[in-house]
Amino acid sequence: MKILLIEPRLEHGIVTYKQRYNPFSIIYGNPSLTLPMVAAATPKGHMVKIVNENYEKIDFTEEYDLVGISVLTIAAFRAYELADFYREKGVKVVLGGYHVSALPDEAKQHADAVVVGEAELLRPQVVEDAEKGKLRQIYVSQEKPD
């Protein structure tokens, strides 16, 4: 399968280390390691692309079989916008992240499946279910990663 993992842009922007002294900067941070960890937990044989919208643009002409979106509350509206866009194109969408774990019922309205808790532990099952066309509406991680 061809899989896209997205970190939605923060609506108020993000600044890099070099830009941190700009008095107009809202948020200072480094790229999250969440999506690289999720990509690493994806079973072999799948092509995975990661796009962090805070640093690069999504190529909306590219075709994917599955899209995963990591959702922070500050970026939830953008995440839902992206999820709705891909679902309208017939692409299966999985949402996860802090916001989804806090509000899974809200997130389910914009996704084929949601992941509550640690996605790395559930990733192989989610991908296998997506391949079979049998995504569950909700996946809940009971364990914590080492």
Protein backbone atom coordinates (compact mmCIF):
# COMPACT_ATOMS: atom_id res chain seq x y z
CA MET A 1 0.00 0.00 0.00
CA LYS A 2 0.99 3.59 -0.55
CA ILE A 3 0.61 5.45 2.75
CA LEU A 4 0.78 9.17 3.54
CA LEU A 5 1.38 10.36 7.11
CA ILE A 6 0.58 14.02 7.77
CA GLU A 7 1.43 16.42 10.56
CA PRO A 8 -1.05 19.28 9.86
CA ARG A 9 0.24 22.83 9.90
CA LEU A 10 -0.34 24.88 13.00
CA GLU A 11 -2.65 27.72 12.08
CA HIS A 12 -0.56 30.24 13.98
CA GLY A 13 2.69 29.04 12.50
CA ILE A 14 5.78 27.48 13.92
CA VAL A 15 9.27 28.88 14.07
CA THR A 16 12.54 27.10 13.66
CA TYR A 17 15.60 27.44 15.84
CA LYS A 18 16.99 30.21 13.61
CA GLN A 19 13.74 32.20 13.74
CA ARG A 20 13.16 31.98 17.50
CA TYR A 21 14.16 35.57 18.23
CA ASN A 22 11.48 36.99 15.97
CA PRO A 23 9.11 38.89 18.31
CA PHE A 24 6.16 38.05 16.05
CA SER A 25 6.65 34.29 16.36
CA ILE A 26 3.83 32.44 18.06
CA ILE A 27 5.23 28.95 18.58
CA TYR A 28 8.77 27.67 18.82
CA GLY A 29 9.44 24.02 18.30
CA ASN A 30 11.20 21.20 16.59
CA PRO A 31 9.58 18.67 14.28
CA SER A 32 7.69 15.96 16.14
CA LEU A 33 9.08 12.42 16.11
CA THR A 34 5.59 10.90 16.19
CA LEU A 35 5.22 10.23 12.48
CA PRO A 36 8.73 8.82 11.96
CA MET A 37 8.00 6.41 14.82
CA VAL A 38 4.66 5.44 13.30
CA ALA A 39 6.33 4.97 9.90
CA ALA A 40 8.97 2.74 11.50
CA ALA A 41 6.19 0.59 13.01
CA THR A 42 4.58 0.09 9.59
CA PRO A 43 5.06 -3.48 8.33
CA LYS A 44 7.59 -3.94 5.53
CA GLY A 45 6.41 -3.87 1.95
CA HIS A 46 4.53 -0.58 2.16
CA MET A 47 5.64 2.78 0.77
CA VAL A 48 5.33 5.46 3.46
CA LYS A 49 5.68 9.20 2.90
CA ILE A 50 5.73 11.70 5.77
CA VAL A 51 4.71 15.33 5.28
CA ASN A 52 4.96 17.89 8.06
CA GLU A 53 2.92 20.82 6.75
CA ASN A 54 4.83 23.22 8.98
CA TYR A 55 7.88 22.64 6.76
CA GLU A 56 6.57 21.46 3.39
CA LYS A 57 3.46 21.40 1.23
CA ILE A 58 1.30 18.36 0.54
CA ASP A 59 1.18 17.27 -3.09
CA PHE A 60 -2.58 16.84 -3.46
CA THR A 61 -2.18 15.27 -6.91
CA GLU A 62 -0.38 12.25 -5.46
CA GLU A 63 -2.51 9.10 -5.06
CA TYR A 64 -2.53 7.15 -1.76
CA ASP A 65 -4.29 4.05 -0.43
CA LEU A 66 -4.23 5.18 3.19
CA VAL A 67 -3.71 8.52 4.94
CA GLY A 68 -2.80 8.85 8.61
CA ILE A 69 -3.03 12.22 10.34
CA SER A 70 -1.59 13.11 13.74
CA VAL A 71 -3.93 15.58 15.43
CA LEU A 72 -2.99 18.20 18.01
CA THR A 73 -5.87 20.30 19.33
CA ILE A 74 -4.31 23.49 17.94
CA ALA A 75 -4.35 21.89 14.47
CA ALA A 76 -7.62 19.94 14.71
CA PHE A 77 -9.57 22.08 12.23
CA ARG A 78 -6.82 21.68 9.62
CA ALA A 79 -6.56 17.95 10.34
CA TYR A 80 -10.29 17.49 9.83
CA GLU A 81 -10.15 19.55 6.64
CA LEU A 82 -7.42 17.26 5.28
CA ALA A 83 -9.24 14.12 6.42
CA ASP A 84 -12.48 15.21 4.76
CA PHE A 85 -10.60 16.06 1.54
CA TYR A 86 -9.01 12.61 1.28
CA ARG A 87 -12.19 10.78 2.24
CA GLU A 88 -14.06 12.62 -0.53
CA LYS A 89 -11.45 11.20 -2.93
CA GLY A 90 -12.20 7.69 -1.63
CA VAL A 91 -8.99 7.34 0.38
CA LYS A 92 -9.20 5.63 3.78
CA VAL A 93 -8.21 7.99 6.61
CA VAL A 94 -6.94 7.13 10.09
CA LEU A 95 -6.70 9.86 12.74
CA GLY A 96 -4.60 9.67 15.91
CA GLY A 97 -2.82 11.92 18.35
CA TYR A 98 -3.56 13.77 21.56
CA HIS A 99 -6.75 15.43 20.32
CA VAL A 100 -8.17 12.17 18.98
CA SER A 101 -7.35 10.36 22.22
CA ALA A 102 -9.21 13.07 24.16
CA LEU A 103 -12.19 13.38 21.77
CA PRO A 104 -12.51 10.16 19.75
CA ASP A 105 -16.23 10.61 19.05
CA GLU A 106 -15.58 14.00 17.46
CA ALA A 107 -12.67 12.62 15.40
CA LYS A 108 -14.71 9.62 14.15
CA GLN A 109 -16.89 12.04 12.20
CA HIS A 110 -13.91 12.80 9.95
CA ALA A 111 -12.19 9.41 9.68
CA ASP A 112 -12.64 5.81 8.70
CA ALA A 113 -10.74 4.83 11.86
CA VAL A 114 -9.32 6.54 14.93
CA VAL A 115 -6.45 5.46 17.17
CA VAL A 116 -6.72 6.19 20.88
CA GLY A 117 -3.43 5.96 22.74
CA GLU A 118 -0.04 4.91 21.40
CA ALA A 119 -0.24 4.45 17.61
CA GLU A 120 3.12 2.68 17.32
CA LEU A 121 1.77 -0.41 19.07
CA LEU A 122 -1.38 -0.58 16.93
CA ARG A 123 0.17 0.34 13.58
CA PRO A 124 0.71 -3.19 12.24
CA GLN A 125 -2.92 -4.14 12.99
CA VAL A 126 -4.31 -0.93 11.47
CA VAL A 127 -2.31 -1.42 8.26
CA GLU A 128 -3.30 -5.10 8.03
CA ASP A 129 -6.98 -4.24 8.51
CA ALA A 130 -6.74 -1.46 5.90
CA GLU A 131 -5.19 -3.88 3.40
CA LYS A 132 -8.09 -6.28 3.93
CA GLY A 133 -10.65 -3.45 3.67
CA LYS A 134 -11.75 -4.13 7.25
CA LEU A 135 -10.75 -1.04 9.23
CA ARG A 136 -12.40 -0.87 12.63
CA GLN A 137 -13.89 2.47 13.62
CA ILE A 138 -11.74 2.69 16.75
CA TYR A 139 -8.45 1.16 17.90
CA VAL A 140 -7.50 1.55 21.56
CA SER A 141 -3.99 0.95 22.85
CA GLN A 142 -3.99 -0.49 26.36
CA GLU A 143 -0.21 -0.66 26.61
CA LYS A 144 2.55 1.92 26.73
CA PRO A 145 5.62 1.58 24.49
CA ASP A 146 9.01 0.79 26.06
